[in-house]
Amino acid sequence: MSTMLPFLYRDFYDVPRVMLVRRGAVTFLLDCPFDETRDEYDAEYTVYLMTALQDSDLRGDWRNLLKKTVRMLGKIPVSQVHFDHTKRKEIDSDVLAQFAG
């Protein structure tokens, strides 16, 4: 049975476009940047494994969080991420199961 995981986010257009999600002892960054060339958001989140973060890391521009990643783990189609009804508080944990080794 899946559980819902709380997340922090920045940039919202239809869904959060950059999120920090903690699953167990692991923190993931899900990034879905805007593509200027295509004039739309990517159809996939790129999933990164994060280093330990300080509160100060969460202030300001989250593009700096990419410098705090350990490595890129893979991609998830935005359409496969199931959110709570507000799309601003929780995601279904099942979508991250493939990355939680």
N, C-alpha and C. Protein backbone atom coordinates (compact mmCIF):
# COMPACT_ATOMS: atom_id res chain seq x y z
N MET A 1 0.83 -1.18 0.00
CA MET A 1 0.00 0.00 0.00
C MET A 1 0.88 1.25 0.00
N SER A 2 0.55 2.19 -0.84
CA SER A 2 1.35 3.39 -0.93
C SER A 2 0.97 4.38 0.17
N THR A 3 1.86 5.29 0.42
CA THR A 3 1.61 6.36 1.38
C THR A 3 1.85 7.68 0.68
N MET A 4 1.32 8.72 1.25
CA MET A 4 1.52 10.05 0.72
C MET A 4 2.69 10.69 1.45
N LEU A 5 3.55 11.36 0.70
CA LEU A 5 4.74 12.01 1.25
C LEU A 5 4.61 13.52 1.11
N PRO A 6 4.86 14.26 2.19
CA PRO A 6 4.85 15.71 2.08
C PRO A 6 6.06 16.19 1.26
N PHE A 7 5.93 17.35 0.65
CA PHE A 7 7.04 17.91 -0.10
C PHE A 7 7.06 19.42 0.04
N LEU A 8 8.22 19.99 -0.25
CA LEU A 8 8.39 21.43 -0.38
C LEU A 8 8.53 21.72 -1.86
N TYR A 9 8.03 22.85 -2.31
CA TYR A 9 8.12 23.13 -3.74
C TYR A 9 8.35 24.61 -4.02
N ARG A 10 8.79 24.86 -5.22
CA ARG A 10 8.87 26.19 -5.82
C ARG A 10 8.39 26.04 -7.25
N ASP A 11 7.98 27.12 -7.85
CA ASP A 11 7.53 27.12 -9.24
C ASP A 11 6.35 26.17 -9.43
N PHE A 12 5.20 26.76 -9.60
CA PHE A 12 3.99 25.99 -9.80
C PHE A 12 3.32 26.45 -11.08
N TYR A 13 3.12 25.53 -11.98
CA TYR A 13 2.32 25.77 -13.18
C TYR A 13 1.60 24.46 -13.47
N ASP A 14 0.35 24.38 -13.16
CA ASP A 14 -0.47 23.17 -13.21
C ASP A 14 -0.09 22.18 -12.10
N VAL A 15 1.19 21.98 -11.89
CA VAL A 15 1.73 21.13 -10.83
C VAL A 15 3.02 21.79 -10.34
N PRO A 16 3.51 21.37 -9.17
CA PRO A 16 4.83 21.89 -8.75
C PRO A 16 5.89 21.51 -9.78
N ARG A 17 6.80 22.41 -10.06
CA ARG A 17 7.82 22.17 -11.09
C ARG A 17 9.19 21.85 -10.51
N VAL A 18 9.40 22.14 -9.25
CA VAL A 18 10.62 21.71 -8.55
C VAL A 18 10.22 21.40 -7.11
N MET A 19 10.56 20.18 -6.67
CA MET A 19 10.13 19.71 -5.35
C MET A 19 11.26 19.01 -4.63
N LEU A 20 11.23 19.11 -3.32
CA LEU A 20 12.07 18.30 -2.44
C LEU A 20 11.14 17.35 -1.70
N VAL A 21 11.46 16.06 -1.79
CA VAL A 21 10.63 15.02 -1.17
C VAL A 21 11.54 14.11 -0.37
N ARG A 22 11.14 13.83 0.86
CA ARG A 22 11.90 12.91 1.70
C ARG A 22 11.14 11.59 1.77
N ARG A 23 11.84 10.52 1.44
CA ARG A 23 11.28 9.16 1.54
C ARG A 23 12.23 8.36 2.41
N GLY A 24 11.83 8.09 3.64
CA GLY A 24 12.73 7.45 4.60
C GLY A 24 13.87 8.39 4.92
N ALA A 25 15.09 7.90 4.80
CA ALA A 25 16.27 8.72 5.10
C ALA A 25 16.82 9.43 3.87
N VAL A 26 16.13 9.30 2.74
CA VAL A 26 16.64 9.83 1.47
C VAL A 26 15.82 11.05 1.05
N THR A 27 16.52 12.09 0.59
CA THR A 27 15.86 13.27 0.06
C THR A 27 16.08 13.32 -1.44
N PHE A 28 14.99 13.54 -2.16
CA PHE A 28 15.02 13.63 -3.61
C PHE A 28 14.67 15.04 -4.05
N LEU A 29 15.28 15.47 -5.13
CA LEU A 29 14.90 16.70 -5.82
C LEU A 29 14.26 16.26 -7.12
N LEU A 30 13.04 16.71 -7.36
CA LEU A 30 12.35 16.47 -8.63
C LEU A 30 12.29 17.80 -9.35
N ASP A 31 12.88 17.86 -10.52
CA ASP A 31 13.01 19.11 -11.25
C ASP A 31 12.37 18.98 -12.63
N CYS A 32 11.49 19.91 -12.94
CA CYS A 32 10.80 19.93 -14.23
C CYS A 32 10.92 21.35 -14.78
N PRO A 33 12.06 21.69 -15.36
CA PRO A 33 12.31 23.08 -15.75
C PRO A 33 11.53 23.52 -17.00
N PHE A 34 11.43 24.81 -17.15
CA PHE A 34 10.81 25.41 -18.33
C PHE A 34 11.83 25.39 -19.47
N ASP A 35 11.40 24.93 -20.63
CA ASP A 35 12.25 24.88 -21.82
C ASP A 35 11.93 26.10 -22.68
N GLU A 36 12.84 27.05 -22.69
CA GLU A 36 12.65 28.30 -23.44
C GLU A 36 12.48 28.05 -24.94
N THR A 37 13.21 27.08 -25.47
CA THR A 37 13.15 26.80 -26.90
C THR A 37 11.77 26.32 -27.32
N ARG A 38 11.20 25.43 -26.54
CA ARG A 38 9.87 24.89 -26.85
C ARG A 38 8.75 25.73 -26.27
N ASP A 39 9.10 26.66 -25.37
CA ASP A 39 8.15 27.54 -24.70
C ASP A 39 7.12 26.74 -23.90
N GLU A 40 7.61 25.71 -23.19
CA GLU A 40 6.76 24.91 -22.31
C GLU A 40 7.62 24.16 -21.31
N TYR A 41 6.95 23.61 -20.31
CA TYR A 41 7.65 22.82 -19.31
C TYR A 41 7.94 21.42 -19.85
N ASP A 42 9.02 20.82 -19.34
CA ASP A 42 9.33 19.44 -19.70
C ASP A 42 8.17 18.53 -19.30
N ALA A 43 8.05 17.41 -19.95
CA ALA A 43 7.00 16.44 -19.65
C ALA A 43 7.44 15.46 -18.57
N GLU A 44 8.70 15.58 -18.12
CA GLU A 44 9.25 14.66 -17.12
C GLU A 44 9.94 15.44 -16.01
N TYR A 45 9.88 14.85 -14.83
CA TYR A 45 10.72 15.33 -13.73
C TYR A 45 12.05 14.59 -13.83
N THR A 46 13.14 15.31 -13.68
CA THR A 46 14.44 14.68 -13.49
C THR A 46 14.60 14.50 -11.99
N VAL A 47 14.96 13.30 -11.58
CA VAL A 47 15.05 12.96 -10.16
C VAL A 47 16.52 12.90 -9.75
N TYR A 48 16.85 13.63 -8.68
CA TYR A 48 18.21 13.68 -8.16
C TYR A 48 18.23 13.22 -6.72
N LEU A 49 19.30 12.58 -6.33
CA LEU A 49 19.58 12.27 -4.94
C LEU A 49 20.27 13.47 -4.33
N MET A 50 19.79 13.91 -3.16
CA MET A 50 20.32 15.12 -2.54
C MET A 50 21.31 14.81 -1.41
N THR A 51 22.23 15.73 -1.21
CA THR A 51 23.08 15.70 -0.03
C THR A 51 22.25 16.26 1.13
N ALA A 52 22.80 16.24 2.33
CA ALA A 52 22.12 16.85 3.48
C ALA A 52 21.98 18.34 3.22
N LEU A 53 20.83 18.88 3.52
CA LEU A 53 20.57 20.29 3.28
C LEU A 53 20.43 21.05 4.58
N GLN A 54 20.84 22.29 4.54
CA GLN A 54 20.67 23.22 5.66
C GLN A 54 19.46 24.10 5.35
N ASP A 55 18.89 24.69 6.38
CA ASP A 55 17.77 25.61 6.15
C ASP A 55 18.16 26.73 5.19
N SER A 56 19.39 27.18 5.26
CA SER A 56 19.85 28.26 4.38
C SER A 56 19.84 27.84 2.90
N ASP A 57 19.96 26.54 2.63
CA ASP A 57 19.93 26.05 1.24
C ASP A 57 18.55 26.24 0.61
N LEU A 58 17.53 26.34 1.45
CA LEU A 58 16.16 26.43 0.94
C LEU A 58 15.71 27.87 0.70
N ARG A 59 16.54 28.81 1.06
CA ARG A 59 16.23 30.22 0.83
C ARG A 59 16.73 30.62 -0.55
N GLY A 60 16.05 31.54 -1.16
CA GLY A 60 16.50 32.05 -2.45
C GLY A 60 16.16 31.11 -3.60
N ASP A 61 16.94 31.21 -4.63
CA ASP A 61 16.71 30.50 -5.89
C ASP A 61 17.05 29.03 -5.75
N TRP A 62 16.08 28.17 -6.02
CA TRP A 62 16.30 26.72 -5.88
C TRP A 62 17.12 26.14 -7.01
N ARG A 63 17.43 26.91 -8.05
CA ARG A 63 18.34 26.38 -9.08
C ARG A 63 19.70 26.05 -8.47
N ASN A 64 20.02 26.70 -7.36
CA ASN A 64 21.27 26.42 -6.65
C ASN A 64 21.26 25.04 -6.01
N LEU A 65 20.08 24.45 -5.82
CA LEU A 65 20.01 23.12 -5.23
C LEU A 65 20.65 22.06 -6.14
N LEU A 66 20.70 22.31 -7.42
CA LEU A 66 21.34 21.36 -8.34
C LEU A 66 22.81 21.16 -7.98
N LYS A 67 23.42 22.17 -7.37
CA LYS A 67 24.82 22.05 -6.93
C LYS A 67 24.95 21.13 -5.72
N LYS A 68 23.84 20.87 -5.05
CA LYS A 68 23.84 20.04 -3.83
C LYS A 68 23.42 18.60 -4.11
N THR A 69 23.25 18.25 -5.37
CA THR A 69 22.85 16.89 -5.68
C THR A 69 24.04 15.95 -5.64
N VAL A 70 23.77 14.70 -5.32
CA VAL A 70 24.80 13.66 -5.34
C VAL A 70 24.92 13.12 -6.77
N ARG A 71 23.75 12.81 -7.35
CA ARG A 71 23.73 12.34 -8.74
C ARG A 71 22.30 12.32 -9.26
N MET A 72 22.18 12.28 -10.56
CA MET A 72 20.89 12.14 -11.21
C MET A 72 20.51 10.67 -11.19
N LEU A 73 19.27 10.37 -10.79
CA LEU A 73 18.82 8.99 -10.66
C LEU A 73 17.98 8.52 -11.84
N GLY A 74 17.32 9.43 -12.50
CA GLY A 74 16.48 9.06 -13.63
C GLY A 74 15.39 10.08 -13.86
N LYS A 75 14.36 9.66 -14.58
CA LYS A 75 13.26 10.56 -14.94
C LYS A 75 11.92 9.89 -14.66
N ILE A 76 10.93 10.72 -14.37
CA ILE A 76 9.57 10.28 -14.14
C ILE A 76 8.64 11.18 -14.96
N PRO A 77 7.78 10.61 -15.78
CA PRO A 77 6.80 11.45 -16.47
C PRO A 77 5.91 12.19 -15.46
N VAL A 78 5.68 13.46 -15.70
CA VAL A 78 4.84 14.25 -14.81
C VAL A 78 3.48 13.58 -14.65
N SER A 79 2.98 12.99 -15.70
CA SER A 79 1.67 12.34 -15.67
C SER A 79 1.61 11.15 -14.71
N GLN A 80 2.75 10.61 -14.31
CA GLN A 80 2.77 9.47 -13.39
C GLN A 80 2.88 9.86 -11.92
N VAL A 81 3.02 11.14 -11.66
CA VAL A 81 3.11 11.62 -10.28
C VAL A 81 1.70 11.96 -9.80
N HIS A 82 1.28 11.28 -8.74
CA HIS A 82 -0.05 11.49 -8.19
C HIS A 82 0.04 12.37 -6.95
N PHE A 83 -0.65 13.48 -7.01
CA PHE A 83 -0.65 14.48 -5.95
C PHE A 83 -1.92 14.39 -5.11
N ASP A 84 -1.87 15.03 -3.94
CA ASP A 84 -3.09 15.24 -3.16
C ASP A 84 -4.01 16.16 -3.97
N HIS A 85 -5.23 16.36 -3.52
CA HIS A 85 -6.20 17.14 -4.30
C HIS A 85 -5.77 18.59 -4.54
N THR A 86 -4.90 19.14 -3.69
CA THR A 86 -4.44 20.52 -3.89
C THR A 86 -3.25 20.61 -4.84
N LYS A 87 -2.59 19.50 -5.04
CA LYS A 87 -1.35 19.41 -5.82
C LYS A 87 -0.22 20.24 -5.22
N ARG A 88 -0.32 20.56 -3.95
CA ARG A 88 0.66 21.42 -3.31
C ARG A 88 1.19 20.90 -1.98
N LYS A 89 0.77 19.69 -1.58
CA LYS A 89 1.16 19.22 -0.25
C LYS A 89 1.84 17.86 -0.25
N GLU A 90 1.30 16.89 -0.99
CA GLU A 90 1.81 15.52 -0.90
C GLU A 90 1.80 14.83 -2.26
N ILE A 91 2.72 13.85 -2.39
CA ILE A 91 2.70 12.98 -3.56
C ILE A 91 2.67 11.52 -3.09
N ASP A 92 2.20 10.67 -3.97
CA ASP A 92 2.15 9.24 -3.69
C ASP A 92 3.58 8.70 -3.70
N SER A 93 3.94 7.98 -2.66
CA SER A 93 5.32 7.48 -2.50
C SER A 93 5.72 6.45 -3.56
N ASP A 94 4.74 5.78 -4.16
CA ASP A 94 5.06 4.73 -5.14
C ASP A 94 5.92 5.23 -6.29
N VAL A 95 5.76 6.48 -6.67
CA VAL A 95 6.50 7.00 -7.82
C VAL A 95 8.01 7.05 -7.57
N LEU A 96 8.39 7.08 -6.30
CA LEU A 96 9.83 7.14 -5.96
C LEU A 96 10.40 5.77 -5.59
N ALA A 97 9.57 4.76 -5.52
CA ALA A 97 10.03 3.44 -5.09
C ALA A 97 11.18 2.91 -5.94
N GLN A 98 11.15 3.18 -7.24
CA GLN A 98 12.20 2.69 -8.13
C GLN A 98 13.57 3.30 -7.82
N PHE A 99 13.59 4.43 -7.13
CA PHE A 99 14.86 5.11 -6.80
C PHE A 99 15.34 4.87 -5.38
N ALA A 100 14.48 4.30 -4.55
CA ALA A 100 14.83 4.06 -3.15
C ALA A 100 15.37 2.64 -3.03
N GLY A 101 16.70 2.52 -3.12
CA GLY A 101 17.34 1.22 -3.13
C GLY A 101 17.51 0.69 -1.79
